[in-house]
Protein backbone atom coordinates (compact mmCIF):
# COMPACT_ATOMS: atom_id res chain seq x y z
CA MET A 1 -0.02 -0.10 -0.13
CA SER A 2 1.20 3.64 -0.54
CA LEU A 3 0.59 6.98 1.10
CA ASP A 4 -1.43 9.28 -0.76
CA ALA A 5 -0.33 12.92 -1.48
CA ASP A 6 -2.56 14.15 1.73
CA GLU A 7 -0.86 11.36 3.98
CA LEU A 8 2.57 12.55 2.74
CA ARG A 9 1.70 16.20 3.37
CA GLN A 10 0.34 15.67 6.63
CA ILE A 11 3.59 13.63 7.87
CA ALA A 12 5.89 16.42 6.55
CA GLU A 13 4.24 19.20 7.97
CA ALA A 14 4.16 17.27 11.56
CA LEU A 15 7.71 16.67 10.96
CA ALA A 16 8.47 20.51 9.89
CA GLU A 17 7.06 21.55 13.16
CA LYS A 18 9.94 19.77 14.73
CA GLY A 19 12.39 22.70 13.11
CA GLU A 20 14.97 23.11 10.94
CA SER A 21 16.17 19.20 11.03
CA VAL A 22 14.88 16.03 11.82
CA SER A 23 16.47 12.60 12.72
CA LEU A 24 16.11 9.46 10.95
CA ASP A 25 14.29 8.03 14.51
CA ASP A 26 11.67 11.28 13.77
CA VAL A 27 10.91 10.27 10.41
CA GLY A 28 10.45 6.75 11.46
CA ASP A 29 8.16 7.83 14.36
CA ALA A 30 5.99 9.91 11.88
CA LEU A 31 5.49 6.98 9.57
CA GLY A 32 4.46 4.61 12.13
CA HIS A 33 3.05 1.23 11.33
CA ARG A 34 1.80 2.35 7.95
CA ALA A 35 2.27 -0.04 5.20
CA ILE A 36 4.65 2.03 2.93
CA LEU A 37 6.84 1.70 -0.03
CA VAL A 38 10.43 2.81 -0.68
CA THR A 39 9.07 5.19 -3.13
CA ASP A 40 6.81 6.69 0.02
CA ILE A 41 9.93 7.36 1.88
CA GLU A 42 11.76 9.00 -1.48
CA GLN A 43 8.74 11.31 -1.54
CA LEU A 44 8.71 12.14 1.94
CA LEU A 45 12.28 12.95 2.21
CA PHE A 46 11.88 15.05 -0.96
CA SER A 47 9.26 16.97 0.43
CA LEU A 48 11.31 17.51 3.64
CA ASP A 49 14.08 18.59 1.29
CA LEU A 50 11.89 21.15 -0.54
CA ARG A 51 10.72 22.78 2.92
CA GLY A 52 14.70 23.20 3.96
CA ILE A 53 14.41 20.40 6.63
CA LYS A 54 17.71 18.39 6.83
CA VAL A 55 17.47 14.70 7.87
CA LYS A 56 20.10 13.74 10.13
CA GLU A 57 21.38 10.52 11.16
CA VAL A 58 19.86 8.88 14.69
CA ASP A 59 22.27 8.66 17.59
CA ASP A 60 22.23 4.92 17.56
CA ALA A 61 22.98 4.65 13.79
CA GLN A 62 25.51 2.02 14.39
CA SER A 63 22.80 -0.56 14.16
CA VAL A 64 21.28 1.06 11.04
CA PRO A 65 24.24 0.08 8.53
CA ASP A 66 23.88 -3.41 10.40
CA TYR A 67 20.70 -3.88 9.01
CA LEU A 68 21.32 -2.46 5.58
CA ALA A 69 22.92 -5.42 3.74
CA ALA A 70 19.96 -7.56 4.81
CA VAL A 71 17.24 -5.05 3.96
CA LEU A 72 18.65 -4.10 0.66
CA GLY A 73 19.15 -7.99 -0.34
CA ALA A 74 15.44 -8.81 0.96
CA ALA A 75 14.06 -5.75 -1.20
CA ARG A 76 16.19 -6.85 -4.40
CA GLN A 77 15.08 -10.52 -3.89
CA LEU A 78 11.44 -9.63 -3.44
CA ARG A 79 11.30 -6.97 -6.53
CA ALA A 80 12.85 -9.93 -8.56
CA LEU A 81 10.41 -12.28 -7.51
CA HIS A 82 7.31 -10.08 -7.66
CA THR A 83 8.46 -7.79 -10.32
CA ARG A 84 7.14 -5.06 -8.31
CA ILE A 85 8.71 -2.45 -5.41
CA PRO A 86 7.99 -4.56 -2.12
CA SER A 87 6.37 -2.94 0.85
CA VAL A 88 8.31 -2.31 4.30
CA ILE A 89 6.24 -5.28 5.84
CA GLU A 90 7.31 -7.72 3.23
CA ILE A 91 11.08 -6.85 3.33
CA ALA A 92 10.71 -7.18 7.14
CA GLU A 93 9.25 -10.59 6.90
CA HIS A 94 11.62 -11.79 4.43
CA ALA A 95 14.72 -10.23 6.19
CA GLY A 96 13.34 -11.16 9.76
CA LEU A 97 13.78 -7.87 11.11
CA PRO A 98 11.48 -5.48 12.78
CA GLU A 99 9.59 -3.28 10.60
CA ARG A 100 11.05 -0.22 12.26
CA ALA A 101 14.77 -1.50 11.71
CA VAL A 102 13.83 -1.79 8.01
CA ARG A 103 12.28 1.57 7.88
CA MET A 104 15.27 3.25 9.33
CA ALA A 105 17.73 1.20 7.21
CA LEU A 106 16.01 2.62 4.02
CA LEU A 107 15.96 6.07 5.33
CA PHE A 108 19.40 5.62 6.18
CA ALA A 109 20.28 4.42 2.52
CA THR A 110 18.32 7.02 0.86
CA VAL A 111 19.95 9.96 3.15
CA MET A 112 23.29 8.69 2.44
CA SER A 113 22.69 8.42 -1.13
CA ARG A 114 21.71 12.21 -1.32
CA SER A 115 24.70 13.15 0.38
């Protein structure tokens, strides 16, 4: 399931209230337990960037890179298997990780690729 434009706008507005920068934790918390796609994360980060809001790494970022290889590997396998972009829930189940860890790893990858 993908977020609609109104949901993305509401999440971006809520994060904008936190100030000029937000952490990956803030973004993960704002997304909550919604069933989202990787493209939703990219759209949200793009929206925050347009608002001048910077996304910074979390304080416990040591664990995020540890999950990254498993998350990206699972996402690639699922995409090849289903010929579509997998959801966070599907990636989490395939990788054997909590959804929050998957979201954080995907956010981390997106932020790092923009640096």
